[in-house]
Amino acid sequence: MSEDNTAELERDFDFGAAIGASRAARGQKLTVYIPSKTKDNVEFGTQRMWVLKAFDLLAKIGGGASAVVTEGVWLNAENDQTVREETVLVYTYCEDADKLIANCPAL
């Protein structure tokens, strides 16, 4: 990379302004991971209920919530078997620490 290109990369860039954002980036991201299986590789069948509960709780904390379905695997160290599952990540952005603290018991 030339010196000119390095200087170009080092200048300040306001991404929000570049895309026309009307406000600054929000606070910390809070994510709740909701599994679909037990450690014994058995689907527990209530994942959707927990996703809906997480939506309600995180909306109280951050004013809204979104979810992403992911696929993953983890090792059950008790039996050395892998568990493959779809995990739902429900998340919000926290700006107001008081709302987070008030709702911590429900987490």
Protein backbone atom coordinates (compact mmCIF):
# COMPACT_ATOMS: atom_id res chain seq x y z
CA MET A 1 0.00 0.00 0.00
CA SER A 2 1.39 3.39 -0.91
CA GLU A 3 1.81 6.24 1.54
CA ASP A 4 -1.01 8.13 -0.20
CA ASN A 5 -3.44 5.22 0.32
CA THR A 6 -2.46 4.91 3.99
CA ALA A 7 -3.18 8.59 4.56
CA GLU A 8 -6.54 8.13 2.84
CA LEU A 9 -7.50 5.32 5.25
CA GLU A 10 -6.48 7.28 8.33
CA ARG A 11 -8.81 10.22 7.78
CA ASP A 12 -12.04 10.46 9.77
CA PHE A 13 -15.06 8.92 8.12
CA ASP A 14 -18.60 9.46 9.40
CA PHE A 15 -20.40 6.32 8.25
CA GLY A 16 -23.73 7.49 9.68
CA ALA A 17 -23.59 10.70 7.69
CA ALA A 18 -22.54 8.80 4.57
CA ILE A 19 -25.65 6.62 4.68
CA GLY A 20 -27.97 9.37 5.85
CA ALA A 21 -28.54 8.12 9.41
CA SER A 22 -30.55 10.52 11.52
CA ARG A 23 -28.96 9.66 14.87
CA ALA A 24 -25.75 8.33 16.37
CA ALA A 25 -25.12 4.63 16.88
CA ARG A 26 -26.98 3.14 19.79
CA GLY A 27 -25.52 1.74 22.99
CA GLN A 28 -24.53 -1.80 23.88
CA LYS A 29 -25.98 -4.82 22.11
CA LEU A 30 -27.68 -7.35 24.42
CA THR A 31 -28.25 -10.81 22.94
CA VAL A 32 -30.15 -13.77 24.37
CA TYR A 33 -29.26 -17.17 22.88
CA ILE A 34 -32.21 -19.58 22.80
CA PRO A 35 -31.26 -23.20 22.08
CA SER A 36 -33.52 -25.82 20.52
CA LYS A 37 -32.07 -28.96 22.12
CA THR A 38 -31.07 -30.28 25.50
CA LYS A 39 -27.56 -31.44 26.33
CA ASP A 40 -28.76 -34.96 25.43
CA ASN A 41 -29.49 -33.84 21.84
CA VAL A 42 -33.28 -33.90 22.34
CA GLU A 43 -35.46 -31.07 21.01
CA PHE A 44 -37.36 -29.56 23.90
CA GLY A 45 -40.17 -28.14 21.75
CA THR A 46 -40.71 -24.80 23.51
CA GLN A 47 -38.14 -22.67 21.68
CA ARG A 48 -40.78 -20.45 20.03
CA MET A 49 -42.35 -19.66 23.42
CA TRP A 50 -38.95 -18.56 24.76
CA VAL A 51 -38.27 -16.47 21.65
CA LEU A 52 -41.56 -14.61 22.17
CA LYS A 53 -40.76 -14.06 25.86
CA ALA A 54 -37.32 -12.73 24.91
CA PHE A 55 -38.89 -10.37 22.35
CA ASP A 56 -41.19 -8.92 25.02
CA LEU A 57 -38.43 -8.53 27.60
CA LEU A 58 -35.84 -7.05 25.25
CA ALA A 59 -38.40 -4.63 23.82
CA LYS A 60 -38.89 -3.32 27.37
CA ILE A 61 -35.13 -2.87 27.72
CA GLY A 62 -34.22 -1.44 24.32
CA GLY A 63 -37.47 -0.30 22.77
CA GLY A 64 -37.51 -3.15 20.24
CA ALA A 65 -35.90 -6.47 19.43
CA SER A 66 -34.86 -8.57 16.44
CA ALA A 67 -33.98 -12.23 15.98
CA VAL A 68 -31.64 -14.28 13.82
CA VAL A 69 -31.79 -18.05 13.43
CA THR A 70 -28.37 -19.69 13.39
CA GLU A 71 -27.11 -23.23 13.10
CA GLY A 72 -24.34 -24.45 15.30
CA VAL A 73 -22.76 -27.32 17.14
CA TRP A 74 -21.31 -27.71 20.60
CA LEU A 75 -19.64 -30.50 22.50
CA ASN A 76 -21.36 -32.10 25.47
CA ALA A 77 -18.33 -32.75 27.67
CA GLU A 78 -20.25 -35.28 29.79
CA ASN A 79 -20.55 -37.80 26.94
CA ASP A 80 -18.13 -36.37 24.34
CA GLN A 81 -20.99 -36.11 21.81
CA THR A 82 -21.73 -33.11 19.61
CA VAL A 83 -25.13 -31.45 19.67
CA ARG A 84 -26.22 -29.80 16.41
CA GLU A 85 -29.06 -27.36 16.70
CA GLU A 86 -30.74 -24.22 15.47
CA THR A 87 -30.24 -21.44 17.97
CA VAL A 88 -32.25 -18.23 17.87
CA LEU A 89 -30.38 -15.06 18.83
CA VAL A 90 -32.77 -12.37 20.06
CA TYR A 91 -31.14 -8.98 20.49
CA THR A 92 -31.69 -5.34 21.31
CA TYR A 93 -29.54 -2.25 21.82
CA CYS A 94 -29.39 -0.77 25.32
CA GLU A 95 -29.20 2.99 25.71
CA ASP A 96 -30.87 3.35 29.08
CA ALA A 97 -29.00 1.61 31.90
CA ASP A 98 -31.97 2.09 34.25
CA LYS A 99 -34.23 0.03 31.96
CA LEU A 100 -31.63 -2.72 31.79
CA ILE A 101 -31.15 -2.76 35.58
CA ALA A 102 -34.91 -2.74 36.20
CA ASN A 103 -35.38 -5.77 33.93
CA CYS A 104 -32.31 -7.76 35.03
CA PRO A 105 -34.30 -10.05 37.38
CA ALA A 106 -36.32 -11.25 34.38
CA LEU A 107 -33.16 -12.15 32.45
